Amino acid sequence: MLLEDIPAICEIEQESFTTPWTSAAFYNELTNNQFARYMVMEYADEVIGYGGMWIIIDEAHITNIAVREKYRGKKLGERLLREMQLTAGFFGAARMTLEVRPSNRVAQGLYEKLGFYGVGVRRGYYTDNREDAIIMWADLPEYQIPPKTNTGE
């Protein structure tokens, strides 16, 4: 994610969340948070999705992940989350965590498909309606450096 992606990211935030992050929050993540790793998904020169996480020692905490509304239902969220898991492993994370609303069964299904499991609840976590959050964790496979390919030289 680059600073110039922030306006598109904020549009996706507005489409996706009842309490969206501000452009200042994303600016701060990209410029001041040494633990932050953010990526975008693009199609035809348009930002259609993004994900963010903090990687601290050997753990990755997903801060946000979303796909533009008109591109949902095409397994792009799964592709994005898989890429986030690979990236977290590359940076040394062995485990990944996130919070999800109990009412968001679609997201929970995706997370479970990719190895996340519920371990607890944060009571009243979401500020818009005081909904609880399910805390989920996943173990990440150890990152393997891909072998060099033979170029025929």
N, C-alpha and C. Protein backbone atom coordinates (compact mmCIF):
# COMPACT_ATOMS: atom_id res chain seq x y z
N MET A 1 0.85 -1.18 0.00
CA MET A 1 0.00 0.00 0.00
C MET A 1 0.89 1.23 0.00
N LEU A 2 0.53 2.18 -0.83
CA LEU A 2 1.25 3.44 -0.92
C LEU A 2 0.35 4.56 -0.41
N LEU A 3 0.95 5.68 -0.06
CA LEU A 3 0.16 6.82 0.43
C LEU A 3 -0.91 7.23 -0.57
N GLU A 4 -0.60 7.13 -1.86
CA GLU A 4 -1.59 7.54 -2.87
C GLU A 4 -2.77 6.56 -2.97
N ASP A 5 -2.67 5.40 -2.33
CA ASP A 5 -3.79 4.44 -2.30
C ASP A 5 -4.83 4.79 -1.24
N ILE A 6 -4.49 5.67 -0.32
CA ILE A 6 -5.36 5.92 0.83
C ILE A 6 -6.77 6.37 0.44
N PRO A 7 -6.98 7.28 -0.53
CA PRO A 7 -8.36 7.65 -0.87
C PRO A 7 -9.20 6.44 -1.32
N ALA A 8 -8.64 5.55 -2.13
CA ALA A 8 -9.37 4.36 -2.56
C ALA A 8 -9.64 3.43 -1.39
N ILE A 9 -8.66 3.31 -0.50
CA ILE A 9 -8.83 2.46 0.68
C ILE A 9 -9.96 3.00 1.55
N CYS A 10 -10.03 4.30 1.70
CA CYS A 10 -11.09 4.90 2.51
C CYS A 10 -12.47 4.68 1.89
N GLU A 11 -12.55 4.66 0.56
CA GLU A 11 -13.83 4.32 -0.10
C GLU A 11 -14.25 2.90 0.26
N ILE A 12 -13.30 1.98 0.22
CA ILE A 12 -13.61 0.58 0.56
C ILE A 12 -14.00 0.48 2.03
N GLU A 13 -13.33 1.23 2.89
CA GLU A 13 -13.68 1.27 4.31
C GLU A 13 -15.13 1.69 4.49
N GLN A 14 -15.54 2.76 3.77
CA GLN A 14 -16.91 3.26 3.87
C GLN A 14 -17.92 2.20 3.43
N GLU A 15 -17.58 1.44 2.38
CA GLU A 15 -18.47 0.39 1.89
C GLU A 15 -18.56 -0.79 2.85
N SER A 16 -17.51 -1.00 3.62
CA SER A 16 -17.35 -2.25 4.35
C SER A 16 -17.65 -2.21 5.84
N PHE A 17 -17.46 -1.06 6.48
CA PHE A 17 -17.51 -1.03 7.93
C PHE A 17 -18.40 0.09 8.45
N THR A 18 -19.06 -0.17 9.57
CA THR A 18 -19.90 0.86 10.18
C THR A 18 -19.07 1.92 10.91
N THR A 19 -17.87 1.55 11.30
CA THR A 19 -16.94 2.52 11.91
C THR A 19 -15.63 2.47 11.13
N PRO A 20 -15.61 3.08 9.95
CA PRO A 20 -14.41 3.00 9.09
C PRO A 20 -13.25 3.79 9.66
N TRP A 21 -12.06 3.32 9.31
CA TRP A 21 -10.85 4.06 9.66
C TRP A 21 -10.79 5.33 8.82
N THR A 22 -10.10 6.32 9.33
CA THR A 22 -9.93 7.59 8.63
C THR A 22 -8.67 7.54 7.77
N SER A 23 -8.57 8.49 6.86
CA SER A 23 -7.35 8.59 6.05
C SER A 23 -6.15 8.87 6.96
N ALA A 24 -6.35 9.65 8.01
CA ALA A 24 -5.25 9.94 8.95
C ALA A 24 -4.76 8.66 9.63
N ALA A 25 -5.67 7.75 9.94
CA ALA A 25 -5.26 6.49 10.56
C ALA A 25 -4.39 5.67 9.61
N PHE A 26 -4.78 5.61 8.35
CA PHE A 26 -3.95 4.87 7.38
C PHE A 26 -2.62 5.57 7.14
N TYR A 27 -2.65 6.89 7.08
CA TYR A 27 -1.40 7.64 6.90
C TYR A 27 -0.45 7.33 8.05
N ASN A 28 -0.97 7.33 9.27
CA ASN A 28 -0.16 7.04 10.44
C ASN A 28 0.40 5.61 10.37
N GLU A 29 -0.42 4.67 9.97
CA GLU A 29 0.05 3.28 9.86
C GLU A 29 1.22 3.17 8.88
N LEU A 30 1.09 3.85 7.74
CA LEU A 30 2.11 3.74 6.69
C LEU A 30 3.38 4.53 7.00
N THR A 31 3.27 5.57 7.78
CA THR A 31 4.44 6.43 7.99
C THR A 31 5.07 6.29 9.38
N ASN A 32 4.30 5.86 10.39
CA ASN A 32 4.82 5.87 11.76
C ASN A 32 4.84 4.53 12.47
N ASN A 33 4.16 3.52 11.96
CA ASN A 33 4.07 2.26 12.68
C ASN A 33 5.05 1.26 12.09
N GLN A 34 6.13 1.02 12.79
CA GLN A 34 7.17 0.12 12.30
C GLN A 34 6.72 -1.33 12.23
N PHE A 35 5.62 -1.68 12.90
CA PHE A 35 5.11 -3.04 12.90
C PHE A 35 4.09 -3.29 11.79
N ALA A 36 3.62 -2.24 11.14
CA ALA A 36 2.54 -2.34 10.17
C ALA A 36 3.02 -2.84 8.81
N ARG A 37 2.22 -3.71 8.23
CA ARG A 37 2.41 -4.20 6.86
C ARG A 37 1.05 -4.16 6.18
N TYR A 38 0.94 -3.38 5.12
CA TYR A 38 -0.32 -3.23 4.40
C TYR A 38 -0.12 -3.55 2.93
N MET A 39 -1.13 -4.16 2.33
CA MET A 39 -1.06 -4.49 0.91
C MET A 39 -2.40 -4.18 0.25
N VAL A 40 -2.34 -3.94 -1.05
CA VAL A 40 -3.56 -3.71 -1.82
C VAL A 40 -3.69 -4.78 -2.88
N MET A 41 -4.93 -4.98 -3.31
CA MET A 41 -5.25 -5.85 -4.43
C MET A 41 -5.78 -4.94 -5.52
N GLU A 42 -5.20 -5.04 -6.71
CA GLU A 42 -5.59 -4.17 -7.82
C GLU A 42 -6.14 -5.00 -8.98
N TYR A 43 -7.07 -4.38 -9.71
CA TYR A 43 -7.59 -4.95 -10.93
C TYR A 43 -7.85 -3.79 -11.89
N ALA A 44 -7.29 -3.87 -13.06
CA ALA A 44 -7.45 -2.83 -14.08
C ALA A 44 -7.13 -1.44 -13.51
N ASP A 45 -6.00 -1.35 -12.83
CA ASP A 45 -5.52 -0.10 -12.24
C ASP A 45 -6.45 0.48 -11.18
N GLU A 46 -7.31 -0.34 -10.61
CA GLU A 46 -8.21 0.09 -9.54
C GLU A 46 -7.89 -0.72 -8.28
N VAL A 47 -7.81 -0.05 -7.13
CA VAL A 47 -7.65 -0.75 -5.87
C VAL A 47 -9.01 -1.36 -5.53
N ILE A 48 -9.05 -2.70 -5.45
CA ILE A 48 -10.32 -3.37 -5.19
C ILE A 48 -10.34 -4.08 -3.83
N GLY A 49 -9.22 -4.09 -3.15
CA GLY A 49 -9.17 -4.70 -1.84
C GLY A 49 -7.87 -4.34 -1.15
N TYR A 50 -7.82 -4.60 0.13
CA TYR A 50 -6.61 -4.31 0.90
C TYR A 50 -6.65 -5.11 2.19
N GLY A 51 -5.49 -5.25 2.77
CA GLY A 51 -5.38 -5.88 4.07
C GLY A 51 -4.24 -5.27 4.83
N GLY A 52 -4.38 -5.24 6.13
CA GLY A 52 -3.33 -4.70 6.99
C GLY A 52 -3.11 -5.57 8.20
N MET A 53 -1.89 -5.56 8.68
CA MET A 53 -1.56 -6.33 9.88
C MET A 53 -0.36 -5.70 10.56
N TRP A 54 -0.24 -6.02 11.83
CA TRP A 54 0.94 -5.67 12.60
C TRP A 54 1.69 -6.95 12.86
N ILE A 55 2.99 -6.95 12.60
CA ILE A 55 3.81 -8.11 12.88
C ILE A 55 4.76 -7.74 14.01
N ILE A 56 4.55 -8.41 15.13
CA ILE A 56 5.34 -8.14 16.33
C ILE A 56 5.96 -9.46 16.78
N ILE A 57 7.27 -9.50 16.69
CA ILE A 57 8.08 -10.69 16.99
C ILE A 57 7.59 -11.84 16.10
N ASP A 58 6.88 -12.83 16.67
CA ASP A 58 6.46 -13.97 15.86
C ASP A 58 4.94 -14.07 15.71
N GLU A 59 4.25 -12.95 15.92
CA GLU A 59 2.79 -12.93 15.78
C GLU A 59 2.35 -11.83 14.83
N ALA A 60 1.34 -12.14 14.04
CA ALA A 60 0.73 -11.16 13.15
C ALA A 60 -0.70 -10.92 13.60
N HIS A 61 -1.08 -9.66 13.71
CA HIS A 61 -2.43 -9.28 14.11
C HIS A 61 -3.07 -8.55 12.93
N ILE A 62 -4.10 -9.15 12.34
CA ILE A 62 -4.79 -8.50 11.23
C ILE A 62 -5.58 -7.31 11.78
N THR A 63 -5.30 -6.14 11.26
CA THR A 63 -6.01 -4.94 11.69
C THR A 63 -7.26 -4.72 10.85
N ASN A 64 -7.16 -5.00 9.55
CA ASN A 64 -8.32 -4.85 8.68
C ASN A 64 -8.07 -5.58 7.36
N ILE A 65 -9.17 -5.99 6.76
CA ILE A 65 -9.15 -6.64 5.45
C ILE A 65 -10.52 -6.41 4.83
N ALA A 66 -10.53 -6.00 3.57
CA ALA A 66 -11.81 -5.75 2.91
C ALA A 66 -11.63 -5.77 1.39
N VAL A 67 -12.72 -6.11 0.71
CA VAL A 67 -12.77 -6.11 -0.74
C VAL A 67 -13.92 -5.19 -1.16
N ARG A 68 -13.69 -4.43 -2.20
CA ARG A 68 -14.72 -3.53 -2.72
C ARG A 68 -15.99 -4.32 -3.00
N GLU A 69 -17.13 -3.74 -2.66
CA GLU A 69 -18.42 -4.44 -2.69
C GLU A 69 -18.70 -5.14 -4.03
N LYS A 70 -18.43 -4.47 -5.14
CA LYS A 70 -18.78 -5.07 -6.43
C LYS A 70 -17.90 -6.26 -6.81
N TYR A 71 -16.81 -6.50 -6.06
CA TYR A 71 -15.92 -7.62 -6.33
C TYR A 71 -16.05 -8.76 -5.32
N ARG A 72 -16.99 -8.63 -4.40
CA ARG A 72 -17.16 -9.68 -3.38
C ARG A 72 -17.81 -10.91 -4.00
N GLY A 73 -17.61 -12.04 -3.34
CA GLY A 73 -18.19 -13.30 -3.81
C GLY A 73 -17.38 -13.96 -4.91
N LYS A 74 -16.17 -13.49 -5.15
CA LYS A 74 -15.32 -14.04 -6.20
C LYS A 74 -14.04 -14.68 -5.63
N LYS A 75 -14.06 -14.95 -4.32
CA LYS A 75 -12.93 -15.56 -3.61
C LYS A 75 -11.69 -14.66 -3.56
N LEU A 76 -11.87 -13.36 -3.77
CA LEU A 76 -10.75 -12.43 -3.70
C LEU A 76 -10.32 -12.19 -2.26
N GLY A 77 -11.27 -12.19 -1.34
CA GLY A 77 -10.92 -12.05 0.07
C GLY A 77 -10.06 -13.21 0.53
N GLU A 78 -10.39 -14.41 0.06
CA GLU A 78 -9.58 -15.59 0.40
C GLU A 78 -8.17 -15.44 -0.17
N ARG A 79 -8.09 -15.00 -1.41
CA ARG A 79 -6.77 -14.83 -2.04
C ARG A 79 -5.94 -13.79 -1.27
N LEU A 80 -6.60 -12.70 -0.88
CA LEU A 80 -5.92 -11.65 -0.13
C LEU A 80 -5.44 -12.16 1.23
N LEU A 81 -6.30 -12.89 1.93
CA LEU A 81 -5.92 -13.40 3.24
C LEU A 81 -4.79 -14.42 3.13
N ARG A 82 -4.82 -15.26 2.12
CA ARG A 82 -3.72 -16.22 1.91
C ARG A 82 -2.40 -15.46 1.69
N GLU A 83 -2.45 -14.39 0.91
CA GLU A 83 -1.25 -13.60 0.67
C GLU A 83 -0.76 -12.95 1.96
N MET A 84 -1.69 -12.51 2.80
CA MET A 84 -1.31 -11.93 4.08
C MET A 84 -0.64 -12.99 4.97
N GLN A 85 -1.16 -14.22 4.94
CA GLN A 85 -0.55 -15.27 5.73
C GLN A 85 0.88 -15.57 5.24
N LEU A 86 1.05 -15.62 3.93
CA LEU A 86 2.40 -15.84 3.38
C LEU A 86 3.34 -14.70 3.75
N THR A 87 2.86 -13.48 3.66
CA THR A 87 3.68 -12.32 3.99
C THR A 87 4.06 -12.33 5.46
N ALA A 88 3.10 -12.66 6.31
CA ALA A 88 3.39 -12.72 7.75
C ALA A 88 4.47 -13.77 8.02
N GLY A 89 4.36 -14.92 7.37
CA GLY A 89 5.38 -15.95 7.52
C GLY A 89 6.73 -15.49 7.04
N PHE A 90 6.75 -14.77 5.93
CA PHE A 90 8.01 -14.23 5.40
C PHE A 90 8.69 -13.32 6.41
N PHE A 91 7.88 -12.55 7.15
CA PHE A 91 8.43 -11.64 8.16
C PHE A 91 8.65 -12.31 9.51
N GLY A 92 8.49 -13.63 9.57
CA GLY A 92 8.83 -14.37 10.78
C GLY A 92 7.70 -14.72 11.71
N ALA A 93 6.46 -14.43 11.33
CA ALA A 93 5.32 -14.76 12.20
C ALA A 93 5.03 -16.25 12.15
N ALA A 94 4.76 -16.83 13.29
CA ALA A 94 4.38 -18.23 13.39
C ALA A 94 2.88 -18.39 13.61
N ARG A 95 2.23 -17.30 14.07
CA ARG A 95 0.79 -17.33 14.35
C ARG A 95 0.17 -16.02 13.89
N MET A 96 -1.13 -16.07 13.64
CA MET A 96 -1.85 -14.89 13.20
C MET A 96 -3.16 -14.81 13.97
N THR A 97 -3.57 -13.60 14.32
CA THR A 97 -4.80 -13.41 15.07
C THR A 97 -5.64 -12.30 14.44
N LEU A 98 -6.92 -12.29 14.79
CA LEU A 98 -7.85 -11.25 14.35
C LEU A 98 -9.07 -11.27 15.24
N GLU A 99 -9.88 -10.23 15.13
CA GLU A 99 -11.18 -10.19 15.79
C GLU A 99 -12.25 -10.11 14.70
N VAL A 100 -13.39 -10.74 14.95
CA VAL A 100 -14.49 -10.73 14.00
C VAL A 100 -15.81 -10.67 14.76
N ARG A 101 -16.78 -9.98 14.15
CA ARG A 101 -18.10 -9.89 14.76
C ARG A 101 -18.79 -11.26 14.72
N PRO A 102 -19.46 -11.64 15.81
CA PRO A 102 -20.25 -12.88 15.78
C PRO A 102 -21.32 -12.86 14.69
N SER A 103 -21.80 -11.69 14.34
CA SER A 103 -22.83 -11.57 13.30
C SER A 103 -22.27 -11.71 11.89
N ASN A 104 -20.96 -11.68 11.72
CA ASN A 104 -20.35 -11.76 10.39
C ASN A 104 -19.97 -13.21 10.08
N ARG A 105 -20.98 -14.02 9.77
CA ARG A 105 -20.76 -15.44 9.51
C ARG A 105 -19.95 -15.68 8.24
N VAL A 106 -20.09 -14.79 7.24
CA VAL A 106 -19.33 -14.96 6.00
C VAL A 106 -17.84 -14.88 6.30
N ALA A 107 -17.43 -13.85 7.04
CA ALA A 107 -16.01 -13.70 7.38
C ALA A 107 -15.54 -14.86 8.24
N GLN A 108 -16.34 -15.27 9.21
CA GLN A 108 -15.94 -16.39 10.06
C GLN A 108 -15.70 -17.65 9.23
N GLY A 109 -16.56 -17.89 8.25
CA GLY A 109 -16.39 -19.06 7.38
C GLY A 109 -15.08 -19.01 6.62
N LEU A 110 -14.74 -17.84 6.11
CA LEU A 110 -13.47 -17.67 5.40
C LEU A 110 -12.30 -17.93 6.34
N TYR A 111 -12.35 -17.34 7.52
CA TYR A 111 -11.25 -17.48 8.46
C TYR A 111 -11.08 -18.95 8.87
N GLU A 112 -12.18 -19.63 9.13
CA GLU A 112 -12.11 -21.04 9.51
C GLU A 112 -11.54 -21.87 8.36
N LYS A 113 -11.92 -21.55 7.14
CA LYS A 113 -11.40 -22.27 5.97
C LYS A 113 -9.87 -22.16 5.89
N LEU A 114 -9.33 -21.03 6.34
CA LEU A 114 -7.89 -20.80 6.27
C LEU A 114 -7.18 -21.08 7.60
N GLY A 115 -7.82 -21.88 8.44
CA GLY A 115 -7.14 -22.39 9.63
C GLY A 115 -7.34 -21.62 10.92
N PHE A 116 -8.17 -20.59 10.91
CA PHE A 116 -8.43 -19.84 12.14
C PHE A 116 -9.45 -20.59 13.00
N TYR A 117 -9.29 -20.44 14.30
CA TYR A 117 -10.22 -21.05 15.25
C TYR A 117 -10.46 -20.06 16.38
N GLY A 118 -11.67 -20.07 16.91
CA GLY A 118 -12.03 -19.17 17.99
C GLY A 118 -11.39 -19.58 19.30
N VAL A 119 -10.88 -18.59 20.03
CA VAL A 119 -10.25 -18.88 21.33
C VAL A 119 -10.84 -18.05 22.47
N GLY A 120 -11.65 -17.06 22.14
CA GLY A 120 -12.20 -16.24 23.20
C GLY A 120 -13.08 -15.14 22.64
N VAL A 121 -13.53 -14.28 23.55
CA VAL A 121 -14.44 -13.19 23.19
C VAL A 121 -13.97 -11.91 23.86
N ARG A 122 -14.00 -10.82 23.10
CA ARG A 122 -13.79 -9.49 23.68
C ARG A 122 -15.18 -8.87 23.82
N ARG A 123 -15.62 -8.69 25.03
CA ARG A 123 -16.97 -8.17 25.31
C ARG A 123 -17.06 -6.70 24.91
N GLY A 124 -18.13 -6.35 24.18
CA GLY A 124 -18.40 -4.96 23.82
C GLY A 124 -17.32 -4.32 22.97
N TYR A 125 -16.62 -5.09 22.17
CA TYR A 125 -15.45 -4.63 21.42
C TYR A 125 -15.77 -3.55 20.37
N TYR A 126 -16.87 -3.72 19.66
CA TYR A 126 -17.19 -2.80 18.56
C TYR A 126 -17.94 -1.58 19.10
N THR A 127 -17.39 -0.40 18.79
CA THR A 127 -17.90 0.83 19.40
C THR A 127 -19.24 1.28 18.82
N ASP A 128 -19.60 0.84 17.62
CA ASP A 128 -20.85 1.31 17.02
C ASP A 128 -22.08 0.73 17.71
N ASN A 129 -22.00 -0.54 18.15
CA ASN A 129 -23.17 -1.16 18.77
C ASN A 129 -22.82 -2.03 19.99
N ARG A 130 -21.57 -1.94 20.42
CA ARG A 130 -21.07 -2.69 21.59
C ARG A 130 -21.13 -4.21 21.37
N GLU A 131 -21.16 -4.64 20.10
CA GLU A 131 -21.14 -6.08 19.80
C GLU A 131 -19.81 -6.67 20.27
N ASP A 132 -19.88 -7.90 20.72
CA ASP A 132 -18.67 -8.61 21.11
C ASP A 132 -17.82 -8.90 19.88
N ALA A 133 -16.59 -9.31 20.09
CA ALA A 133 -15.71 -9.78 19.02
C ALA A 133 -15.23 -11.18 19.38
N ILE A 134 -15.25 -12.05 18.39
CA ILE A 134 -14.66 -13.37 18.56
C ILE A 134 -13.17 -13.23 18.25
N ILE A 135 -12.32 -13.69 19.13
CA ILE A 135 -10.87 -13.69 18.92
C ILE A 135 -10.52 -15.00 18.24
N MET A 136 -9.86 -14.91 17.10
CA MET A 136 -9.48 -16.10 16.36
C MET A 136 -7.96 -16.11 16.15
N TRP A 137 -7.41 -17.31 16.13
CA TRP A 137 -5.98 -17.51 15.89
C TRP A 137 -5.80 -18.57 14.82
N ALA A 138 -4.67 -18.50 14.13
CA ALA A 138 -4.27 -19.54 13.18
C ALA A 138 -2.77 -19.73 13.30
N ASP A 139 -2.34 -20.97 13.22
CA ASP A 139 -0.92 -21.26 13.14
C ASP A 139 -0.51 -21.11 11.68
N LEU A 140 0.64 -20.51 11.45
CA LEU A 140 1.12 -20.32 10.09
C LEU A 140 2.21 -21.34 9.78
N PRO A 141 2.21 -21.87 8.57
CA PRO A 141 3.30 -22.78 8.22
C PRO A 141 4.61 -22.00 8.18
N GLU A 142 5.69 -22.68 8.50
CA GLU A 142 6.99 -22.04 8.45
C GLU A 142 7.27 -21.60 7.03
N TYR A 143 7.71 -20.36 6.89
CA TYR A 143 8.00 -19.83 5.55
C TYR A 143 9.19 -20.55 4.96
N GLN A 144 9.04 -20.98 3.75
CA GLN A 144 10.13 -21.65 3.03
C GLN A 144 10.57 -20.77 1.88
N ILE A 145 11.86 -20.54 1.78
CA ILE A 145 12.38 -19.77 0.65
C ILE A 145 12.25 -20.63 -0.60
N PRO A 146 11.57 -20.11 -1.62
CA PRO A 146 11.40 -20.91 -2.84
C PRO A 146 12.75 -21.25 -3.45
N PRO A 147 12.87 -22.48 -4.00
CA PRO A 147 14.14 -22.85 -4.62
C PRO A 147 14.39 -22.04 -5.87
N LYS A 148 15.67 -21.84 -6.17
CA LYS A 148 16.02 -21.14 -7.41
C LYS A 148 15.67 -22.05 -8.58
N THR A 149 15.19 -21.43 -9.64
CA THR A 149 14.86 -22.22 -10.83
C THR A 149 16.06 -22.25 -11.74
N ASN A 150 16.19 -23.31 -12.47
CA ASN A 150 17.29 -23.48 -13.41
C ASN A 150 16.99 -22.64 -14.65
N THR A 151 17.82 -21.69 -14.93
CA THR A 151 17.60 -20.83 -16.11
C THR A 151 18.27 -21.37 -17.36
N GLY A 152 18.87 -22.55 -17.22
CA GLY A 152 19.50 -23.16 -18.39
C GLY A 152 20.90 -22.67 -18.65
N GLU A 153 21.47 -21.92 -17.75
CA GLU A 153 22.85 -21.41 -17.98
C GLU A 153 23.87 -22.40 -17.55
